[in-house]
């Protein structure tokens, strides 16, 4: 919940030139009210726009919610679902994430599915089981072709907004577990095509090392994405 529409527009205007030659795909995930201004600002650039959430129903009495059709008409490309903050503060479940993923794909957009463990879960040694469960439920009913197009973001909850970062090896270990699970469910070809991001205090100083790991295809960037110079360095580290 950062930046008003005018602030978000100015940010993207400033970002366009900085990342124009980026080899990575660049996506900005903005609050609903900022989407029209940011889509307009990003026109003609290599920057794509993501919403931070969506409801799975097409319409109805869901006051305060936004549908996939509404986002699609605004030219949104991606939708983030299952973020740890949505799970913690708003009770989002794995089953809800699955319904949202289905609706997003049906609308012609791409889901960015978040998963990750708490500090207690890591300390108790259940990280692999927990993350595998989250992803298995999230992907229920999705085809191999659909899974090859979506994005999965591993974000250890204990490393979000705390300044703590998983070591490169810890991040790689879980991203490898996710890729192995997709290989089990859909085959190696789909597992290779599925983009797996790391999100947990990614910043300019650690991005290059994280992105160099074999199973980390990019970053889901939090606080550092609010600063043009930091975000530029992270994009170019990819």
C-alpha atoms as a PDB file:
ATOM      1  CA  UNK A   1       0.000   0.000   0.000  1.00  0.00           C
ATOM      2  CA  UNK A   2       2.470   2.555  -1.310  1.00  0.00           C
ATOM      3  CA  UNK A   3       2.214   5.507  -3.725  1.00  0.00           C
ATOM      4  CA  UNK A   4      -0.842   7.428  -4.874  1.00  0.00           C
ATOM      5  CA  UNK A   5      -1.814   7.243  -8.580  1.00  0.00           C
ATOM      6  CA  UNK A   6       0.165  10.404  -9.390  1.00  0.00           C
ATOM      7  CA  UNK A   7       3.194   9.185  -7.443  1.00  0.00           C
ATOM      8  CA  UNK A   8       3.036   5.755  -9.109  1.00  0.00           C
ATOM      9  CA  UNK A   9       2.766   7.342 -12.544  1.00  0.00           C
ATOM     10  CA  UNK A  10       5.795   9.558 -11.880  1.00  0.00           C
ATOM     11  CA  UNK A  11       7.740   6.539 -10.633  1.00  0.00           C
ATOM     12  CA  UNK A  12       7.070   4.518 -13.796  1.00  0.00           C
ATOM     13  CA  UNK A  13       7.858   7.538 -15.989  1.00  0.00           C
ATOM     14  CA  UNK A  14      11.218   7.694 -14.232  1.00  0.00           C
ATOM     15  CA  UNK A  15      11.764   3.938 -14.411  1.00  0.00           C
ATOM     16  CA  UNK A  16      11.118   3.531 -18.150  1.00  0.00           C
ATOM     17  CA  UNK A  17      14.404   4.940 -19.360  1.00  0.00           C
ATOM     18  CA  UNK A  18      16.426   3.224 -16.664  1.00  0.00           C
ATOM     19  CA  UNK A  19      15.275  -0.306 -17.576  1.00  0.00           C
ATOM     20  CA  UNK A  20      14.677   0.113 -21.323  1.00  0.00           C
ATOM     21  CA  UNK A  21      17.592  -2.183 -22.151  1.00  0.00           C
ATOM     22  CA  UNK A  22      16.820  -4.767 -19.448  1.00  0.00           C
ATOM     23  CA  UNK A  23      17.323  -8.396 -20.412  1.00  0.00           C
ATOM     24  CA  UNK A  24      14.821  -9.445 -17.746  1.00  0.00           C
ATOM     25  CA  UNK A  25      11.066  -9.013 -17.889  1.00  0.00           C
ATOM     26  CA  UNK A  26      10.096  -6.014 -15.753  1.00  0.00           C
ATOM     27  CA  UNK A  27       6.742  -6.006 -13.948  1.00  0.00           C
ATOM     28  CA  UNK A  28       5.425  -3.441 -11.467  1.00  0.00           C
ATOM     29  CA  UNK A  29       2.743  -4.597  -9.016  1.00  0.00           C
ATOM     30  CA  UNK A  30       0.636  -1.617  -8.031  1.00  0.00           C
ATOM     31  CA  UNK A  31      -2.489  -0.920  -5.919  1.00  0.00           C
ATOM     32  CA  UNK A  32      -5.808  -1.134  -7.772  1.00  0.00           C
ATOM     33  CA  UNK A  33      -6.361   2.640  -7.807  1.00  0.00           C
ATOM     34  CA  UNK A  34      -2.956   3.188  -9.451  1.00  0.00           C
ATOM     35  CA  UNK A  35      -3.433   0.728 -12.304  1.00  0.00           C
ATOM     36  CA  UNK A  36      -4.943   3.065 -14.951  1.00  0.00           C
ATOM     37  CA  UNK A  37      -2.272   5.730 -14.434  1.00  0.00           C
ATOM     38  CA  UNK A  38       0.569   3.209 -14.425  1.00  0.00           C
ATOM     39  CA  UNK A  39      -0.688   1.344 -17.517  1.00  0.00           C
ATOM     40  CA  UNK A  40      -0.832   4.677 -19.331  1.00  0.00           C
ATOM     41  CA  UNK A  41       2.663   5.632 -18.125  1.00  0.00           C
ATOM     42  CA  UNK A  42       4.092   2.255 -19.167  1.00  0.00           C
ATOM     43  CA  UNK A  43       2.680   2.381 -22.720  1.00  0.00           C
ATOM     44  CA  UNK A  44       5.333   1.784 -25.365  1.00  0.00           C
ATOM     45  CA  UNK A  45       7.859   0.585 -22.776  1.00  0.00           C
ATOM     46  CA  UNK A  46       9.011  -2.887 -21.724  1.00  0.00           C
ATOM     47  CA  UNK A  47       7.310  -2.522 -18.321  1.00  0.00           C
ATOM     48  CA  UNK A  48       4.304  -4.736 -17.634  1.00  0.00           C
ATOM     49  CA  UNK A  49       1.730  -4.178 -14.918  1.00  0.00           C
ATOM     50  CA  UNK A  50       0.542  -6.517 -12.180  1.00  0.00           C
ATOM     51  CA  UNK A  51      -2.342  -6.176  -9.756  1.00  0.00           C
ATOM     52  CA  UNK A  52      -1.636  -7.178  -6.157  1.00  0.00           C
ATOM     53  CA  UNK A  53      -4.787  -9.284  -5.725  1.00  0.00           C
ATOM     54  CA  UNK A  54      -8.105 -10.258  -7.342  1.00  0.00           C
ATOM     55  CA  UNK A  55     -11.349 -12.056  -6.499  1.00  0.00           C
ATOM     56  CA  UNK A  56     -12.107 -15.384  -8.172  1.00  0.00           C
ATOM     57  CA  UNK A  57     -15.773 -14.688  -8.926  1.00  0.00           C
ATOM     58  CA  UNK A  58     -16.731 -12.934 -12.180  1.00  0.00           C
ATOM     59  CA  UNK A  59     -19.125 -10.517 -10.438  1.00  0.00           C
ATOM     60  CA  UNK A  60     -21.601 -10.310  -7.576  1.00  0.00           C
ATOM     61  CA  UNK A  61     -22.127  -9.038  -4.049  1.00  0.00           C
ATOM     62  CA  UNK A  62     -18.491  -8.958  -2.980  1.00  0.00           C
ATOM     63  CA  UNK A  63     -18.186  -5.372  -1.781  1.00  0.00           C
ATOM     64  CA  UNK A  64     -14.656  -4.030  -1.964  1.00  0.00           C
ATOM     65  CA  UNK A  65     -13.404  -6.747  -4.308  1.00  0.00           C
ATOM     66  CA  UNK A  66     -12.160  -6.551  -7.905  1.00  0.00           C
ATOM     67  CA  UNK A  67     -12.741  -9.125 -10.665  1.00  0.00           C
ATOM     68  CA  UNK A  68     -10.436 -10.482 -13.365  1.00  0.00           C
ATOM     69  CA  UNK A  69     -12.597  -8.881 -16.078  1.00  0.00           C
ATOM     70  CA  UNK A  70     -12.109  -5.469 -14.461  1.00  0.00           C
ATOM     71  CA  UNK A  71      -8.328  -5.938 -14.418  1.00  0.00           C
ATOM     72  CA  UNK A  72      -8.200  -7.344 -17.940  1.00  0.00           C
ATOM     73  CA  UNK A  73     -10.061  -4.319 -19.319  1.00  0.00           C
ATOM     74  CA  UNK A  74      -7.406  -2.099 -17.714  1.00  0.00           C
ATOM     75  CA  UNK A  75      -4.688  -4.054 -19.598  1.00  0.00           C
ATOM     76  CA  UNK A  76      -3.194  -5.743 -16.551  1.00  0.00           C
ATOM     77  CA  UNK A  77      -0.733  -8.520 -17.465  1.00  0.00           C
ATOM     78  CA  UNK A  78      -0.089 -10.283 -14.152  1.00  0.00           C
ATOM     79  CA  UNK A  79      -1.838 -10.737 -10.801  1.00  0.00           C
ATOM     80  CA  UNK A  80      -0.042 -11.501  -7.536  1.00  0.00           C
ATOM     81  CA  UNK A  81      -1.948 -14.017  -5.391  1.00  0.00           C
ATOM     82  CA  UNK A  82      -1.310 -15.728  -2.073  1.00  0.00           C
ATOM     83  CA  UNK A  83       1.146 -13.132  -0.827  1.00  0.00           C
ATOM     84  CA  UNK A  84       2.097 -13.802   2.795  1.00  0.00           C
ATOM     85  CA  UNK A  85       0.543 -10.494   3.878  1.00  0.00           C
ATOM     86  CA  UNK A  86      -2.754 -11.457   2.219  1.00  0.00           C
ATOM     87  CA  UNK A  87      -2.615 -14.804   3.990  1.00  0.00           C
ATOM     88  CA  UNK A  88      -1.673 -13.326   7.378  1.00  0.00           C
ATOM     89  CA  UNK A  89      -3.877 -10.228   7.521  1.00  0.00           C
ATOM     90  CA  UNK A  90      -6.834 -11.219   5.336  1.00  0.00           C
ATOM     91  CA  UNK A  91      -7.152 -14.974   5.818  1.00  0.00           C
ATOM     92  CA  UNK A  92      -6.299 -16.011   2.261  1.00  0.00           C
ATOM     93  CA  UNK A  93      -6.093 -19.811   2.020  1.00  0.00           C
ATOM     94  CA  UNK A  94      -4.429 -22.195  -0.420  1.00  0.00           C
ATOM     95  CA  UNK A  95      -7.870 -23.103  -1.770  1.00  0.00           C
ATOM     96  CA  UNK A  96      -8.630 -19.429  -2.450  1.00  0.00           C
ATOM     97  CA  UNK A  97      -5.289 -19.087  -4.229  1.00  0.00           C
ATOM     98  CA  UNK A  98      -6.240 -22.026  -6.446  1.00  0.00           C
ATOM     99  CA  UNK A  99      -9.599 -20.444  -7.359  1.00  0.00           C
ATOM    100  CA  UNK A 100      -7.862 -17.152  -8.132  1.00  0.00           C
ATOM    101  CA  UNK A 101      -5.226 -18.841 -10.297  1.00  0.00           C
ATOM    102  CA  UNK A 102      -7.964 -20.547 -12.339  1.00  0.00           C
ATOM    103  CA  UNK A 103      -9.863 -17.264 -12.810  1.00  0.00           C
ATOM    104  CA  UNK A 104      -6.718 -15.301 -13.759  1.00  0.00           C
ATOM    105  CA  UNK A 105      -5.679 -17.833 -16.393  1.00  0.00           C
ATOM    106  CA  UNK A 106      -9.220 -17.999 -17.785  1.00  0.00           C
ATOM    107  CA  UNK A 107      -9.141 -14.207 -18.166  1.00  0.00           C
ATOM    108  CA  UNK A 108      -5.913 -14.333 -20.173  1.00  0.00           C
ATOM    109  CA  UNK A 109      -3.607 -12.956 -17.473  1.00  0.00           C
ATOM    110  CA  UNK A 110      -0.730 -14.635 -15.636  1.00  0.00           C
ATOM    111  CA  UNK A 111      -0.798 -15.454 -11.919  1.00  0.00           C
ATOM    112  CA  UNK A 112       2.229 -14.867  -9.710  1.00  0.00           C
ATOM    113  CA  UNK A 113       1.622 -17.450  -6.981  1.00  0.00           C
ATOM    114  CA  UNK A 114       3.367 -16.770  -3.670  1.00  0.00           C
ATOM    115  CA  UNK A 115       4.401 -19.409  -1.166  1.00  0.00           C
ATOM    116  CA  UNK A 116       6.650 -19.524   1.868  1.00  0.00           C
ATOM    117  CA  UNK A 117       7.139 -20.600   5.450  1.00  0.00           C
ATOM    118  CA  UNK A 118       7.131 -18.851   8.820  1.00  0.00           C
ATOM    119  CA  UNK A 119      10.121 -18.798  11.162  1.00  0.00           C
ATOM    120  CA  UNK A 120       8.479 -21.477  13.345  1.00  0.00           C
ATOM    121  CA  UNK A 121       7.947 -23.747  10.344  1.00  0.00           C
ATOM    122  CA  UNK A 122      11.575 -23.332   9.275  1.00  0.00           C
ATOM    123  CA  UNK A 123      12.861 -23.978  12.786  1.00  0.00           C
ATOM    124  CA  UNK A 124      10.717 -27.115  13.038  1.00  0.00           C
ATOM    125  CA  UNK A 125      12.125 -28.426   9.749  1.00  0.00           C
ATOM    126  CA  UNK A 126       8.838 -28.512   7.817  1.00  0.00           C
ATOM    127  CA  UNK A 127       9.693 -25.940   5.135  1.00  0.00           C
ATOM    128  CA  UNK A 128       9.711 -28.464   2.282  1.00  0.00           C
ATOM    129  CA  UNK A 129       6.426 -30.106   3.289  1.00  0.00           C
ATOM    130  CA  UNK A 130       4.704 -26.768   3.845  1.00  0.00           C
ATOM    131  CA  UNK A 131       5.804 -25.207   0.539  1.00  0.00           C
ATOM    132  CA  UNK A 132       5.035 -28.383  -1.420  1.00  0.00           C
ATOM    133  CA  UNK A 133       1.533 -28.434   0.084  1.00  0.00           C
ATOM    134  CA  UNK A 134       0.925 -24.756  -0.765  1.00  0.00           C
ATOM    135  CA  UNK A 135       1.972 -25.265  -4.395  1.00  0.00           C
ATOM    136  CA  UNK A 136       0.133 -28.574  -4.832  1.00  0.00           C
ATOM    137  CA  UNK A 137      -3.154 -26.981  -3.746  1.00  0.00           C
ATOM    138  CA  UNK A 138      -2.534 -23.790  -5.750  1.00  0.00           C
ATOM    139  CA  UNK A 139      -1.980 -25.764  -8.971  1.00  0.00           C
ATOM    140  CA  UNK A 140      -4.944 -28.136  -8.571  1.00  0.00           C
ATOM    141  CA  UNK A 141      -6.731 -28.599 -11.875  1.00  0.00           C
ATOM    142  CA  UNK A 142      -4.256 -26.538 -13.928  1.00  0.00           C
ATOM    143  CA  UNK A 143      -2.882 -28.001 -17.151  1.00  0.00           C
ATOM    144  CA  UNK A 144       0.795 -28.456 -17.946  1.00  0.00           C
ATOM    145  CA  UNK A 145       0.587 -25.656 -20.526  1.00  0.00           C
ATOM    146  CA  UNK A 146      -0.930 -23.281 -17.961  1.00  0.00           C
ATOM    147  CA  UNK A 147       1.673 -24.106 -15.331  1.00  0.00           C
ATOM    148  CA  UNK A 148       4.500 -23.519 -17.822  1.00  0.00           C
ATOM    149  CA  UNK A 149       3.262 -19.926 -18.248  1.00  0.00           C
ATOM    150  CA  UNK A 150       2.686 -18.925 -14.636  1.00  0.00           C
ATOM    151  CA  UNK A 151       5.131 -17.601 -12.061  1.00  0.00           C
ATOM    152  CA  UNK A 152       5.821 -18.936  -8.569  1.00  0.00           C
ATOM    153  CA  UNK A 153       7.419 -16.692  -5.965  1.00  0.00           C
ATOM    154  CA  UNK A 154       9.054 -18.184  -2.875  1.00  0.00           C
ATOM    155  CA  UNK A 155       9.021 -15.685  -0.037  1.00  0.00           C
ATOM    156  CA  UNK A 156      10.178 -16.865   3.384  1.00  0.00           C
ATOM    157  CA  UNK A 157       7.831 -14.976   5.715  1.00  0.00           C
ATOM    158  CA  UNK A 158      10.625 -14.483   8.237  1.00  0.00           C
ATOM    159  CA  UNK A 159      12.621 -12.511   5.633  1.00  0.00           C
ATOM    160  CA  UNK A 160       9.903 -10.052   4.529  1.00  0.00           C
ATOM    161  CA  UNK A 161      10.234  -6.514   5.815  1.00  0.00           C
ATOM    162  CA  UNK A 162      12.553  -7.691   8.591  1.00  0.00           C
ATOM    163  CA  UNK A 163      15.824  -6.874   6.887  1.00  0.00           C
ATOM    164  CA  UNK A 164      16.723 -10.568   7.258  1.00  0.00           C
ATOM    165  CA  UNK A 165      17.509 -12.397   4.056  1.00  0.00           C
ATOM    166  CA  UNK A 166      17.676 -16.105   3.454  1.00  0.00           C
ATOM    167  CA  UNK A 167      21.175 -17.099   2.434  1.00  0.00           C
ATOM    168  CA  UNK A 168      21.622 -17.756  -1.269  1.00  0.00           C
ATOM    169  CA  UNK A 169      21.773 -21.462  -0.437  1.00  0.00           C
ATOM    170  CA  UNK A 170      18.543 -21.374   1.620  1.00  0.00           C
ATOM    171  CA  UNK A 171      16.692 -19.547  -1.148  1.00  0.00           C
ATOM    172  CA  UNK A 172      18.069 -21.897  -3.818  1.00  0.00           C
ATOM    173  CA  UNK A 173      17.192 -24.976  -1.763  1.00  0.00           C
ATOM    174  CA  UNK A 174      13.481 -24.095  -1.581  1.00  0.00           C
ATOM    175  CA  UNK A 175      13.273 -22.904  -5.202  1.00  0.00           C
ATOM    176  CA  UNK A 176      14.810 -26.253  -6.199  1.00  0.00           C
ATOM    177  CA  UNK A 177      12.171 -28.066  -4.104  1.00  0.00           C
ATOM    178  CA  UNK A 178       9.447 -26.140  -5.964  1.00  0.00           C
ATOM    179  CA  UNK A 179      10.929 -26.995  -9.369  1.00  0.00           C
ATOM    180  CA  UNK A 180      11.274 -30.652  -8.385  1.00  0.00           C
ATOM    181  CA  UNK A 181       7.605 -30.722  -7.336  1.00  0.00           C
ATOM    182  CA  UNK A 182       6.527 -29.274 -10.696  1.00  0.00           C
ATOM    183  CA  UNK A 183       8.672 -31.897 -12.429  1.00  0.00           C
ATOM    184  CA  UNK A 184       6.919 -34.621 -10.412  1.00  0.00           C
ATOM    185  CA  UNK A 185       3.481 -33.243 -11.272  1.00  0.00           C
ATOM    186  CA  UNK A 186       3.985 -32.084 -14.877  1.00  0.00           C
ATOM    187  CA  UNK A 187       7.352 -33.299 -16.139  1.00  0.00           C
ATOM    188  CA  UNK A 188      10.821 -31.799 -16.523  1.00  0.00           C
ATOM    189  CA  UNK A 189       9.977 -29.679 -19.558  1.00  0.00           C
ATOM    190  CA  UNK A 190       7.227 -27.793 -17.704  1.00  0.00           C
ATOM    191  CA  UNK A 191       9.445 -27.479 -14.619  1.00  0.00           C
ATOM    192  CA  UNK A 192      12.163 -25.800 -16.697  1.00  0.00           C
ATOM    193  CA  UNK A 193       9.712 -23.359 -18.291  1.00  0.00           C
ATOM    194  CA  UNK A 194       8.019 -22.307 -15.034  1.00  0.00           C
ATOM    195  CA  UNK A 195       9.567 -19.144 -13.666  1.00  0.00           C
ATOM    196  CA  UNK A 196      10.457 -19.311  -9.976  1.00  0.00           C
ATOM    197  CA  UNK A 197      11.244 -16.066  -8.173  1.00  0.00           C
ATOM    198  CA  UNK A 198      12.748 -15.366  -4.775  1.00  0.00           C
ATOM    199  CA  UNK A 199      11.128 -12.672  -2.647  1.00  0.00           C
ATOM    200  CA  UNK A 200      12.540 -11.862   0.762  1.00  0.00           C
ATOM    201  CA  UNK A 201      14.375  -8.559   1.229  1.00  0.00           C
ATOM    202  CA  UNK A 202      15.834  -8.643  -2.287  1.00  0.00           C
ATOM    203  CA  UNK A 203      18.000  -5.554  -2.751  1.00  0.00           C
ATOM    204  CA  UNK A 204      20.663  -4.209  -5.077  1.00  0.00           C
ATOM    205  CA  UNK A 205      23.450  -5.567  -2.887  1.00  0.00           C
ATOM    206  CA  UNK A 206      22.299  -9.204  -2.951  1.00  0.00           C
ATOM    207  CA  UNK A 207      20.332  -9.491  -6.215  1.00  0.00           C
ATOM    208  CA  UNK A 208      23.141 -10.646  -8.507  1.00  0.00           C
ATOM    209  CA  UNK A 209      24.204 -13.489  -6.184  1.00  0.00           C
ATOM    210  CA  UNK A 210      20.608 -14.641  -5.666  1.00  0.00           C
ATOM    211  CA  UNK A 211      19.796 -14.550  -9.388  1.00  0.00           C
ATOM    212  CA  UNK A 212      22.954 -16.528 -10.174  1.00  0.00           C
ATOM    213  CA  UNK A 213      21.555 -19.556  -8.326  1.00  0.00           C
ATOM    214  CA  UNK A 214      20.407 -22.327 -10.728  1.00  0.00           C
ATOM    215  CA  UNK A 215      16.745 -22.407  -9.674  1.00  0.00           C
ATOM    216  CA  UNK A 216      16.134 -18.692  -8.998  1.00  0.00           C
ATOM    217  CA  UNK A 217      14.831 -17.038 -12.164  1.00  0.00           C
ATOM    218  CA  UNK A 218      14.243 -13.560 -10.740  1.00  0.00           C
ATOM    219  CA  UNK A 219      12.945 -11.600  -7.799  1.00  0.00           C
ATOM    220  CA  UNK A 220       9.670 -10.506  -6.237  1.00  0.00           C
ATOM    221  CA  UNK A 221      10.975  -7.227  -4.886  1.00  0.00           C
ATOM    222  CA  UNK A 222       9.414  -5.478  -1.903  1.00  0.00           C
ATOM    223  CA  UNK A 223      10.724  -2.323  -0.225  1.00  0.00           C
ATOM    224  CA  UNK A 224      13.646  -1.909  -2.613  1.00  0.00           C
ATOM    225  CA  UNK A 225      11.214  -1.539  -5.539  1.00  0.00           C
ATOM    226  CA  UNK A 226      10.086   1.833  -4.143  1.00  0.00           C
ATOM    227  CA  UNK A 227      13.476   3.405  -4.926  1.00  0.00           C
ATOM    228  CA  UNK A 228      14.312   4.012  -8.581  1.00  0.00           C
ATOM    229  CA  UNK A 229      18.062   3.502  -8.278  1.00  0.00           C
ATOM    230  CA  UNK A 230      17.686   0.305  -6.209  1.00  0.00           C
ATOM    231  CA  UNK A 231      15.058  -1.144  -8.535  1.00  0.00           C
ATOM    232  CA  UNK A 232      17.164  -0.347 -11.598  1.00  0.00           C
ATOM    233  CA  UNK A 233      20.190  -2.176 -10.134  1.00  0.00           C
ATOM    234  CA  UNK A 234      18.060  -5.207  -9.217  1.00  0.00           C
ATOM    235  CA  UNK A 235      16.567  -5.398 -12.729  1.00  0.00           C
ATOM    236  CA  UNK A 236      20.023  -5.189 -14.279  1.00  0.00           C
ATOM    237  CA  UNK A 237      21.381  -7.811 -11.859  1.00  0.00           C
ATOM    238  CA  UNK A 238      18.999 -10.228 -13.589  1.00  0.00           C
END
